[in-house]
Amino acid sequence: MTRVTPRRNGDVSFWWNQLGQPVPRPALPGSTRADVVIVGAGYTGLWTAYYLKKAAPQLRIVVLEARFAGFGASGRNGGWLTNSITGGRDQYLKKHGRPAVENFQAAMNDTVDEVIRVAAAEGIDAGIVKGGEFTIAYDAPQQRRLENAARAEQSWEHTDVELLSRAQAQNRINVTGTTGGMWHPHCARINPAALVAGLARAVEALGVELYENTLVSEIAANRAVTEYGTVDAAFVVRATEGFTAALKGLHRTWLPMNSSLIATEPLDASIWEKIGWSGRETLGDMAHAYMYAQRTCDDRIAIGGRGVPYRFGSKTDADGETPQTTIDALREILVRFFPATKDANIDHAWSGVLGVPRDWAATVGLDPQTGLAWAGGYVGTGVATTNLAGRTLTDLILGRDSALTGLPWVNHRVRPWEPEPLRWLAVTALYRAYSFADRTELTGRHTTSPLARVADVVSGRGH
């Protein structure tokens, strides 16, 4: 395949380039005291500030952001507002029981609609279309995994998954070689930067103080430390997701995992006539190193997947520049799925970093003795889960017993990641194994690669 160099590479993300990066807000002017200080102005931090200020307008809430609101994963992700429970439901069964886990799933379904409701109420135009989540298979092992996954989903309440035949799947989105699909309605396509920019405006309008270009170096009991001074507060909320490893004492808490995307130029109507995709569903597949995609508001395809999954020492990039090998691999998937795009220009490539706990399960919680609260570890499912986190943190901070504070992920704890070089060796080996398994399946293997099964167990994804 001909190498294609994108018109833009990095520069934070396509979404921010399309929207225009915001005018910088001022940095913290000096040491101060607040009722609540929130570290990180992505979805988690802003949703927490939004619901807290709505529930208790008298609180002084300060949000500290290292660059600008939405600079991290919130402004770079694939735009899937979906109902996924990070790490799966089964992990909570033994300790919490089936009814509690089904309540969790119902809460996630409601969260998708809550984000849509707030966006409408606050006048945030984020290009939201609730077309559902569509997953396809295109070889025999993937088809078996798809059918097994659909049956497993259908055994739970509130999942609403439909298994689709080859013809039904191709009628929805015409992916070349599709063998079948599954779909559920609890997902919407969004422009993620538009949502986070709108949230930042909304919290400021409520009276929340948002300081940018203010790097927090340490979070401790009742304080957040920056180069401009310290913010003392009864509650300190850590909402730093993939950038958590840079904080003092938290280097092994969550592993920063990289994910990359490309966006095509706007595609002609003649191409869309061949592809379909009129429902604006989000699109994924059953590969081990899976892809994810959406049809954007202006009729591009944005498609993503793992490139270089992890940088030694938990390092994170600055502005999302993406290796050419990753761009080429994503374009290869694009053209394999949709041959009509073979001559389409790639307008933008970018990368972002997400937080991965050792057990791949997101968590939200509060230690009342220290005032330290946290939420994150979303492993790429944070667009909706952050909203649930913000509402849950609001109840925890205000001392309210609620249906949300009783959900299984609340105060969930997990052991830290292994020290280097073990975690770099492990993560690199895992994703090489997944990529090798995908290649062997695509070229004719009839059953799931045993290498992928071993990788699932080792990574903790096979629980």
Protein backbone atom coordinates (compact mmCIF):
# COMPACT_ATOMS: atom_id res chain seq x y z
CA MET A 1 0.00 0.00 0.00
CA THR A 2 1.25 3.51 -0.85
CA ARG A 3 2.53 5.43 2.14
CA VAL A 4 0.34 8.45 2.90
CA THR A 5 1.61 11.33 5.01
CA PRO A 6 -1.19 13.14 6.83
CA ARG A 7 -1.61 16.87 6.39
CA ARG A 8 -1.29 17.28 10.16
CA ASN A 9 0.41 15.00 12.66
CA GLY A 10 -0.06 15.58 16.37
CA ASP A 11 -1.00 19.17 17.22
CA VAL A 12 -3.09 17.63 20.07
CA SER A 13 -5.92 16.20 17.92
CA PHE A 14 -8.06 16.57 14.82
CA TRP A 15 -10.99 17.50 17.05
CA TRP A 16 -9.15 20.48 18.56
CA ASN A 17 -7.87 21.60 15.16
CA GLN A 18 -11.38 21.52 13.80
CA LEU A 19 -12.76 23.40 16.81
CA GLY A 20 -9.83 25.74 17.39
CA GLN A 21 -7.81 25.57 20.58
CA PRO A 22 -9.24 27.71 23.37
CA VAL A 23 -7.85 31.06 24.49
CA PRO A 24 -5.57 30.21 27.46
CA ARG A 25 -7.04 30.78 30.89
CA PRO A 26 -4.85 32.28 33.61
CA ALA A 27 -2.57 30.19 35.81
CA LEU A 28 -3.09 29.87 39.56
CA PRO A 29 -2.18 33.33 40.99
CA GLY A 30 -0.75 31.94 44.23
CA SER A 31 -1.45 29.82 47.30
CA THR A 32 -5.08 29.76 48.33
CA ARG A 33 -7.73 27.80 50.19
CA ALA A 34 -10.84 26.16 48.72
CA ASP A 35 -13.51 23.72 49.76
CA VAL A 36 -12.61 21.34 46.93
CA VAL A 37 -9.58 21.32 44.63
CA ILE A 38 -9.76 19.19 41.50
CA VAL A 39 -6.55 18.21 39.70
CA GLY A 40 -7.19 17.75 35.98
CA ALA A 41 -9.64 19.56 33.69
CA GLY A 42 -10.72 16.66 31.53
CA TYR A 43 -14.11 14.99 31.63
CA THR A 44 -13.68 13.57 35.15
CA GLY A 45 -12.62 16.86 36.71
CA LEU A 46 -15.17 18.97 34.88
CA TRP A 47 -18.12 16.63 35.47
CA THR A 48 -17.21 16.53 39.18
CA ALA A 49 -17.04 20.32 39.34
CA TYR A 50 -20.32 20.63 37.42
CA TYR A 51 -22.40 18.36 39.65
CA LEU A 52 -20.78 19.54 42.90
CA LYS A 53 -21.44 23.20 42.12
CA LYS A 54 -25.01 22.42 41.07
CA ALA A 55 -25.64 20.48 44.30
CA ALA A 56 -23.81 22.89 46.64
CA PRO A 57 -23.43 26.35 45.07
CA GLN A 58 -21.79 27.72 48.22
CA LEU A 59 -18.67 25.59 47.76
CA ARG A 60 -15.49 27.21 46.48
CA ILE A 61 -14.22 24.79 43.84
CA VAL A 62 -10.82 25.23 42.19
CA VAL A 63 -9.77 23.19 39.14
CA LEU A 64 -6.06 22.98 38.24
CA GLU A 65 -4.96 21.94 34.75
CA ALA A 66 -1.39 21.42 33.49
CA ARG A 67 -2.10 22.63 29.92
CA PHE A 68 -5.67 23.49 28.92
CA ALA A 69 -9.07 21.97 29.63
CA GLY A 70 -9.42 18.88 27.46
CA PHE A 71 -5.75 18.64 26.49
CA GLY A 72 -5.56 14.96 27.44
CA ALA A 73 -7.74 11.99 26.54
CA SER A 74 -10.96 14.01 26.80
CA GLY A 75 -10.00 16.02 23.71
CA ARG A 76 -8.32 13.22 21.76
CA ASN A 77 -10.47 10.09 22.06
CA GLY A 78 -12.52 8.32 19.38
CA GLY A 79 -15.81 9.89 20.46
CA TRP A 80 -17.61 6.80 21.77
CA LEU A 81 -20.18 7.70 24.43
CA THR A 82 -20.97 4.10 25.34
CA ASN A 83 -22.26 2.05 28.26
CA SER A 84 -19.28 -0.28 28.75
CA ILE A 85 -18.30 -1.32 32.27
CA THR A 86 -14.51 -1.05 32.19
CA GLY A 87 -12.93 -4.48 32.48
CA GLY A 88 -16.28 -6.28 32.20
CA ARG A 89 -19.08 -7.22 34.59
CA ASP A 90 -17.86 -10.68 35.61
CA GLN A 91 -15.08 -9.35 37.83
CA TYR A 92 -17.65 -7.97 40.30
CA LEU A 93 -19.85 -11.06 40.56
CA LYS A 94 -18.10 -12.94 43.36
CA LYS A 95 -17.89 -10.04 45.79
CA HIS A 96 -21.04 -8.07 44.96
CA GLY A 97 -23.53 -10.51 43.39
CA ARG A 98 -25.51 -10.36 40.18
CA PRO A 99 -28.18 -7.78 41.17
CA ALA A 100 -25.51 -5.22 42.12
CA VAL A 101 -23.68 -5.76 38.83
CA GLU A 102 -26.90 -5.40 36.84
CA ASN A 103 -27.60 -2.16 38.70
CA PHE A 104 -24.16 -1.01 37.57
CA GLN A 105 -25.05 -1.77 33.95
CA ALA A 106 -28.35 0.08 34.25
CA ALA A 107 -26.48 3.07 35.69
CA MET A 108 -24.11 3.05 32.72
CA ASN A 109 -27.05 2.98 30.30
CA ASP A 110 -28.57 5.96 32.11
CA THR A 111 -25.22 7.75 32.01
CA VAL A 112 -25.21 7.81 28.21
CA ASP A 113 -28.57 9.58 28.27
CA GLU A 114 -27.46 11.89 31.10
CA VAL A 115 -24.52 13.20 29.06
CA ILE A 116 -26.86 13.83 26.12
CA ARG A 117 -29.33 15.60 28.46
CA VAL A 118 -26.71 17.91 29.99
CA ALA A 119 -25.22 18.76 26.58
CA ALA A 120 -28.66 19.85 25.39
CA ALA A 121 -29.43 21.74 28.62
CA GLU A 122 -26.12 23.62 28.51
CA GLY A 123 -26.27 24.37 24.78
CA ILE A 124 -23.21 22.23 23.99
CA ASP A 125 -23.17 21.24 20.32
CA ALA A 126 -20.98 18.14 20.33
CA GLY A 127 -22.39 16.52 17.20
CA ILE A 128 -24.13 13.85 19.27
CA VAL A 129 -25.98 11.10 17.41
CA LYS A 130 -27.20 8.10 19.42
CA GLY A 131 -26.82 5.43 16.75
CA GLY A 132 -25.69 2.60 18.99
CA GLU A 133 -22.50 0.54 19.07
CA PHE A 134 -21.86 -1.83 16.17
CA THR A 135 -19.21 -4.56 16.30
CA ILE A 136 -18.27 -6.74 13.34
CA ALA A 137 -16.30 -9.92 12.67
CA TYR A 138 -14.47 -10.68 9.43
CA ASP A 139 -12.84 -14.09 9.89
CA ALA A 140 -13.83 -17.42 11.44
CA PRO A 141 -12.20 -16.95 14.88
CA GLN A 142 -13.64 -13.46 15.17
CA GLN A 143 -17.09 -14.75 14.21
CA ARG A 144 -16.95 -17.36 16.99
CA ARG A 145 -15.84 -14.72 19.50
CA LEU A 146 -18.62 -12.44 18.27
CA GLU A 147 -21.30 -15.10 18.72
CA ASN A 148 -19.97 -16.02 22.16
CA ALA A 149 -19.82 -12.37 23.17
CA ALA A 150 -23.37 -11.74 21.99
CA ARG A 151 -24.70 -14.74 23.93
CA ALA A 152 -22.82 -13.63 27.04
CA GLU A 153 -24.21 -10.11 26.73
CA GLN A 154 -27.74 -11.38 26.22
CA SER A 155 -27.53 -13.34 29.49
CA TRP A 156 -27.44 -10.02 31.40
CA GLU A 157 -30.18 -7.50 32.03
CA HIS A 158 -29.97 -4.05 30.43
CA THR A 159 -27.54 -4.96 27.63
CA ASP A 160 -30.08 -5.06 24.74
CA VAL A 161 -27.59 -6.68 22.35
CA GLU A 162 -28.75 -7.96 18.96
CA LEU A 163 -26.77 -10.56 16.98
CA LEU A 164 -26.80 -9.78 13.25
CA SER A 165 -26.32 -12.03 10.26
CA ARG A 166 -23.79 -11.26 7.55
CA ALA A 167 -26.46 -9.59 5.40
CA GLN A 168 -27.89 -7.60 8.31
CA ALA A 169 -24.42 -6.42 9.30
CA GLN A 170 -23.46 -5.38 5.79
CA ASN A 171 -26.76 -3.56 5.39
CA ARG A 172 -25.90 -1.45 8.44
CA ILE A 173 -22.27 -0.69 7.51
CA ASN A 174 -20.78 -2.36 4.45
CA VAL A 175 -17.41 -3.54 5.78
CA THR A 176 -15.71 -5.74 3.18
CA GLY A 177 -15.50 -9.36 4.34
CA THR A 178 -17.95 -8.99 7.21
CA THR A 179 -19.14 -12.37 8.52
CA GLY A 180 -21.58 -11.00 11.11
CA GLY A 181 -22.16 -8.31 13.68
CA MET A 182 -23.76 -7.29 16.94
CA TRP A 183 -25.37 -4.02 17.95
CA HIS A 184 -26.78 -2.35 21.03
CA PRO A 185 -28.52 1.03 21.34
CA HIS A 186 -26.67 2.51 24.36
CA CYS A 187 -23.96 4.44 22.52
CA ALA A 188 -23.64 7.79 20.78
CA ARG A 189 -21.09 9.32 18.46
CA ILE A 190 -19.71 12.64 19.70
CA ASN A 191 -17.08 15.25 18.95
CA PRO A 192 -15.09 14.85 22.18
CA ALA A 193 -13.29 18.21 22.13
CA ALA A 194 -16.58 20.05 21.60
CA LEU A 195 -18.03 18.30 24.64
CA VAL A 196 -15.08 19.09 26.93
CA ALA A 197 -14.88 22.70 25.73
CA GLY A 198 -18.58 23.13 26.44
CA LEU A 199 -18.22 21.59 29.89
CA ALA A 200 -15.39 23.98 30.73
CA ARG A 201 -17.57 26.95 29.80
CA ALA A 202 -20.48 25.53 31.79
CA VAL A 203 -18.52 25.09 35.03
CA GLU A 204 -17.04 28.57 34.76
CA ALA A 205 -20.53 29.99 34.31
CA LEU A 206 -21.51 28.25 37.56
CA GLY A 207 -18.68 30.00 39.41
CA VAL A 208 -16.01 27.29 39.42
CA GLU A 209 -12.44 28.65 39.20
CA LEU A 210 -10.46 27.01 36.40
CA TYR A 211 -6.70 27.63 36.22
CA GLU A 212 -4.68 26.39 33.24
CA ASN A 213 -0.95 25.98 32.61
CA THR A 214 -0.70 25.03 36.28
CA LEU A 215 1.16 21.75 36.71
CA VAL A 216 0.47 19.89 39.96
CA SER A 217 3.56 18.06 41.17
CA GLU A 218 2.12 16.44 44.28
CA ILE A 219 -1.24 15.54 45.74
CA ALA A 220 -1.36 14.99 49.50
CA ALA A 221 -3.91 15.03 52.30
CA ASN A 222 -5.94 18.23 51.95
CA ARG A 223 -3.59 19.92 49.48
CA ALA A 224 -2.40 20.10 45.89
CA VAL A 225 1.11 21.47 45.29
CA THR A 226 2.04 23.53 42.20
CA GLU A 227 4.96 25.75 41.20
CA TYR A 228 2.68 28.76 41.76
CA GLY A 229 1.63 27.80 45.26
CA THR A 230 -0.41 25.28 47.20
CA VAL A 231 -4.19 24.91 47.22
CA ASP A 232 -5.43 23.70 50.61
CA ALA A 233 -8.86 22.11 50.64
CA ALA A 234 -11.05 19.76 52.64
CA PHE A 235 -11.21 17.52 49.55
CA VAL A 236 -8.63 16.92 46.81
CA VAL A 237 -9.89 15.13 43.70
CA ARG A 238 -7.33 13.35 41.52
CA ALA A 239 -8.67 13.38 37.96
CA THR A 240 -5.43 12.90 36.03
CA GLU A 241 -6.09 9.56 34.22
CA GLY A 242 -3.16 8.71 31.91
CA PHE A 243 -0.97 11.44 33.39
CA THR A 244 -1.22 10.06 36.96
CA ALA A 245 2.22 8.43 36.75
CA ALA A 246 3.87 11.87 36.73
CA LEU A 247 2.60 12.67 40.24
CA LYS A 248 4.87 12.10 43.23
CA GLY A 249 4.36 8.63 44.73
CA LEU A 250 1.92 7.49 42.02
CA HIS A 251 4.30 6.29 39.31
CA ARG A 252 3.00 2.71 39.33
CA THR A 253 -0.68 3.40 40.05
CA TRP A 254 -1.99 3.44 36.47
CA LEU A 255 -0.10 2.58 33.32
CA PRO A 256 -0.33 5.25 30.57
CA MET A 257 -1.44 3.42 27.43
CA ASN A 258 -1.19 5.12 24.04
CA SER A 259 -3.88 4.96 21.39
CA SER A 260 -3.75 6.57 17.95
CA LEU A 261 -6.22 7.79 15.33
CA ILE A 262 -6.33 9.05 11.79
CA ALA A 263 -9.07 11.09 10.12
CA THR A 264 -9.75 11.15 6.40
CA GLU A 265 -10.74 14.15 4.37
CA PRO A 266 -14.54 14.57 4.02
CA LEU A 267 -15.73 11.74 1.76
CA ASP A 268 -17.91 12.18 -1.32
CA ALA A 269 -21.53 11.07 -1.33
CA SER A 270 -20.63 8.39 -3.90
CA ILE A 271 -18.28 6.76 -1.36
CA TRP A 272 -20.87 6.90 1.40
CA GLU A 273 -23.38 5.28 -0.94
CA LYS A 274 -21.07 2.23 -1.08
CA ILE A 275 -20.32 2.20 2.64
CA GLY A 276 -23.73 3.01 4.11
CA TRP A 277 -23.29 4.00 7.77
CA SER A 278 -26.37 6.22 7.65
CA GLY A 279 -27.12 5.49 11.33
CA ARG A 280 -23.84 7.04 12.53
CA GLU A 281 -23.16 4.01 14.74
CA THR A 282 -19.75 3.70 16.36
CA LEU A 283 -17.83 0.84 14.71
CA GLY A 284 -15.53 -1.73 16.30
CA ASP A 285 -14.30 -5.24 15.55
CA MET A 286 -13.48 -8.49 17.34
CA ALA A 287 -9.72 -8.38 16.73
CA HIS A 288 -7.48 -8.83 19.77
CA ALA A 289 -5.76 -5.50 19.03
CA TYR A 290 -9.11 -3.98 18.13
CA MET A 291 -9.95 -0.90 16.05
CA TYR A 292 -12.60 1.75 16.70
CA ALA A 293 -14.15 4.26 14.33
CA GLN A 294 -16.89 6.81 13.76
CA ARG A 295 -18.44 8.74 10.88
CA THR A 296 -17.83 12.35 11.87
CA CYS A 297 -20.19 15.29 11.71
CA ASP A 298 -18.59 16.45 8.46
CA ASP A 299 -18.56 13.00 6.82
CA ARG A 300 -15.00 11.87 7.46
CA ILE A 301 -13.99 8.52 8.90
CA ALA A 302 -11.97 8.74 12.11
CA ILE A 303 -10.41 5.36 12.87
CA GLY A 304 -8.13 4.36 15.71
CA GLY A 305 -6.22 1.54 17.36
CA ARG A 306 -3.02 0.73 19.20
CA GLY A 307 0.23 1.93 17.68
CA VAL A 308 3.09 2.03 20.17
CA PRO A 309 1.02 1.00 23.21
CA TYR A 310 3.45 1.95 25.96
CA ARG A 311 6.54 4.13 26.37
CA PHE A 312 9.28 2.98 28.72
CA GLY A 313 9.11 4.59 32.17
CA SER A 314 5.42 5.53 31.85
CA LYS A 315 6.33 8.46 29.62
CA THR A 316 3.60 10.39 27.81
CA ASP A 317 3.83 12.41 24.62
CA ALA A 318 3.31 16.15 24.54
CA ASP A 319 1.09 16.94 21.58
CA GLY A 320 0.09 13.61 20.04
CA GLU A 321 2.60 13.16 17.23
CA THR A 322 2.14 9.68 15.77
CA PRO A 323 4.73 7.35 14.15
CA GLN A 324 4.38 6.82 10.40
CA THR A 325 4.21 3.04 10.93
CA THR A 326 1.07 3.51 13.05
CA ILE A 327 -0.49 5.81 10.46
CA ASP A 328 0.20 3.24 7.74
CA ALA A 329 -1.28 0.41 9.83
CA LEU A 330 -4.48 2.37 10.52
CA ARG A 331 -4.85 3.34 6.88
CA GLU A 332 -4.40 -0.30 5.90
CA ILE A 333 -7.35 -1.23 8.16
CA LEU A 334 -9.39 1.66 6.71
CA VAL A 335 -8.85 0.56 3.10
CA ARG A 336 -9.32 -3.13 3.91
CA PHE A 337 -12.67 -2.31 5.52
CA PHE A 338 -13.70 0.26 2.90
CA PRO A 339 -11.89 -0.14 -0.46
CA ALA A 340 -13.69 2.95 -1.79
CA THR A 341 -11.47 5.07 0.49
CA LYS A 342 -8.19 3.98 -1.15
CA ASP A 343 -7.67 7.39 -2.79
CA ALA A 344 -8.89 9.45 0.14
CA ASN A 345 -6.41 11.81 1.77
CA ILE A 346 -5.56 11.41 5.44
CA ASP A 347 -6.03 14.87 6.91
CA HIS A 348 -4.83 14.25 10.45
CA ALA A 349 -3.10 11.72 12.70
CA TRP A 350 -2.81 12.02 16.46
CA SER A 351 -2.36 10.02 19.65
CA GLY A 352 -3.56 10.20 23.23
CA VAL A 353 -2.87 8.47 26.50
CA LEU A 354 -5.35 6.60 28.70
CA GLY A 355 -5.02 5.14 32.19
CA VAL A 356 -4.85 1.37 32.73
CA PRO A 357 -5.08 -0.16 36.23
CA ARG A 358 -3.36 -3.50 36.85
CA ASP A 359 -6.71 -5.34 36.77
CA TRP A 360 -8.14 -3.20 33.88
CA ALA A 361 -11.03 -2.04 36.11
CA ALA A 362 -11.95 1.64 36.55
CA THR A 363 -12.45 2.97 40.05
CA VAL A 364 -13.90 5.93 41.94
CA GLY A 365 -13.53 6.61 45.64
CA LEU A 366 -12.85 8.84 48.63
CA ASP A 367 -10.73 8.48 51.75
CA PRO A 368 -12.60 10.61 54.32
CA GLN A 369 -9.62 10.72 56.68
CA THR A 370 -7.31 12.45 54.18
CA GLY A 371 -9.90 14.10 51.95
CA LEU A 372 -8.29 12.40 48.94
CA ALA A 373 -10.74 11.41 46.21
CA TRP A 374 -10.04 9.88 42.82
CA ALA A 375 -11.60 8.50 39.68
CA GLY A 376 -10.12 6.96 36.56
CA GLY A 377 -8.44 3.95 35.04
CA TYR A 378 -11.05 3.91 32.29
CA VAL A 379 -8.94 1.99 29.72
CA GLY A 380 -10.58 3.89 26.89
CA THR A 381 -14.20 3.72 28.09
CA GLY A 382 -14.17 7.05 29.89
CA VAL A 383 -16.38 9.24 27.71
CA ALA A 384 -19.48 8.03 29.57
CA THR A 385 -17.88 6.60 32.71
CA THR A 386 -16.42 9.99 33.65
CA ASN A 387 -19.92 11.38 34.00
CA LEU A 388 -20.91 8.59 36.36
CA ALA A 389 -17.67 9.24 38.25
CA GLY A 390 -18.46 12.94 38.60
CA ARG A 391 -21.92 12.27 40.00
CA THR A 392 -20.57 9.57 42.32
CA LEU A 393 -17.78 11.82 43.64
CA THR A 394 -20.37 14.53 44.28
CA ASP A 395 -22.35 12.16 46.50
CA LEU A 396 -19.21 10.90 48.27
CA ILE A 397 -17.90 14.40 48.98
CA LEU A 398 -21.28 15.64 50.20
CA GLY A 399 -21.66 12.55 52.39
CA ARG A 400 -24.81 11.36 50.65
CA ASP A 401 -25.71 7.66 50.65
CA SER A 402 -27.11 6.98 47.19
CA ALA A 403 -27.61 4.30 44.61
CA LEU A 404 -24.42 5.55 42.95
CA THR A 405 -22.20 5.29 46.04
CA GLY A 406 -23.28 1.64 46.41
CA LEU A 407 -22.15 0.56 42.93
CA PRO A 408 -19.46 -2.15 42.81
CA TRP A 409 -16.65 0.04 41.45
CA VAL A 410 -16.78 2.50 44.36
CA ASN A 411 -13.60 2.36 46.49
CA HIS A 412 -12.31 -0.56 44.42
CA ARG A 413 -8.56 -0.96 45.04
CA VAL A 414 -5.95 -2.72 42.94
CA ARG A 415 -2.26 -3.51 43.31
CA PRO A 416 0.26 -1.29 41.49
CA TRP A 417 1.98 -2.15 38.24
CA GLU A 418 5.34 -3.92 38.30
CA PRO A 419 8.51 -1.75 38.24
CA GLU A 420 10.51 -1.21 35.07
CA PRO A 421 11.70 -2.89 32.97
CA LEU A 422 9.12 -5.57 33.79
CA ARG A 423 6.04 -3.58 32.83
CA TRP A 424 7.56 -2.38 29.54
CA LEU A 425 8.59 -5.93 28.63
CA ALA A 426 5.17 -7.31 29.61
CA VAL A 427 3.04 -4.73 27.78
CA THR A 428 5.22 -4.79 24.67
CA ALA A 429 5.12 -8.59 24.56
CA LEU A 430 1.36 -8.67 25.10
CA TYR A 431 0.55 -6.39 22.21
CA ARG A 432 3.00 -8.14 19.91
CA ALA A 433 1.22 -11.37 20.80
CA TYR A 434 -2.20 -9.84 20.06
CA SER A 435 -0.99 -8.42 16.74
CA PHE A 436 0.57 -11.75 15.73
CA ALA A 437 -2.64 -13.58 16.67
CA ASP A 438 -4.70 -11.18 14.55
CA ARG A 439 -2.41 -11.70 11.55
CA THR A 440 -2.59 -15.49 11.76
CA GLU A 441 -6.38 -15.40 12.10
CA LEU A 442 -6.76 -13.01 9.19
CA THR A 443 -4.65 -15.23 6.94
CA GLY A 444 -6.66 -18.39 7.49
CA ARG A 445 -6.49 -19.70 11.05
CA HIS A 446 -9.91 -21.17 11.95
CA THR A 447 -9.77 -20.88 15.74
CA THR A 448 -8.66 -18.18 18.18
CA SER A 449 -4.89 -18.14 18.50
CA PRO A 450 -3.67 -19.80 21.73
CA LEU A 451 -1.11 -17.00 21.96
CA ALA A 452 -3.97 -14.51 22.39
CA ARG A 453 -5.56 -16.70 25.09
CA VAL A 454 -2.30 -16.74 27.04
CA ALA A 455 -1.94 -12.98 26.62
CA ASP A 456 -5.47 -12.46 27.97
CA VAL A 457 -4.67 -14.44 31.12
CA VAL A 458 -1.31 -12.74 31.68
CA SER A 459 -2.73 -9.24 31.16
CA GLY A 460 -5.70 -9.79 33.44
CA ARG A 461 -8.18 -9.35 30.57
CA GLY A 462 -9.13 -13.01 30.65
CA HIS A 463 -10.82 -13.00 34.07
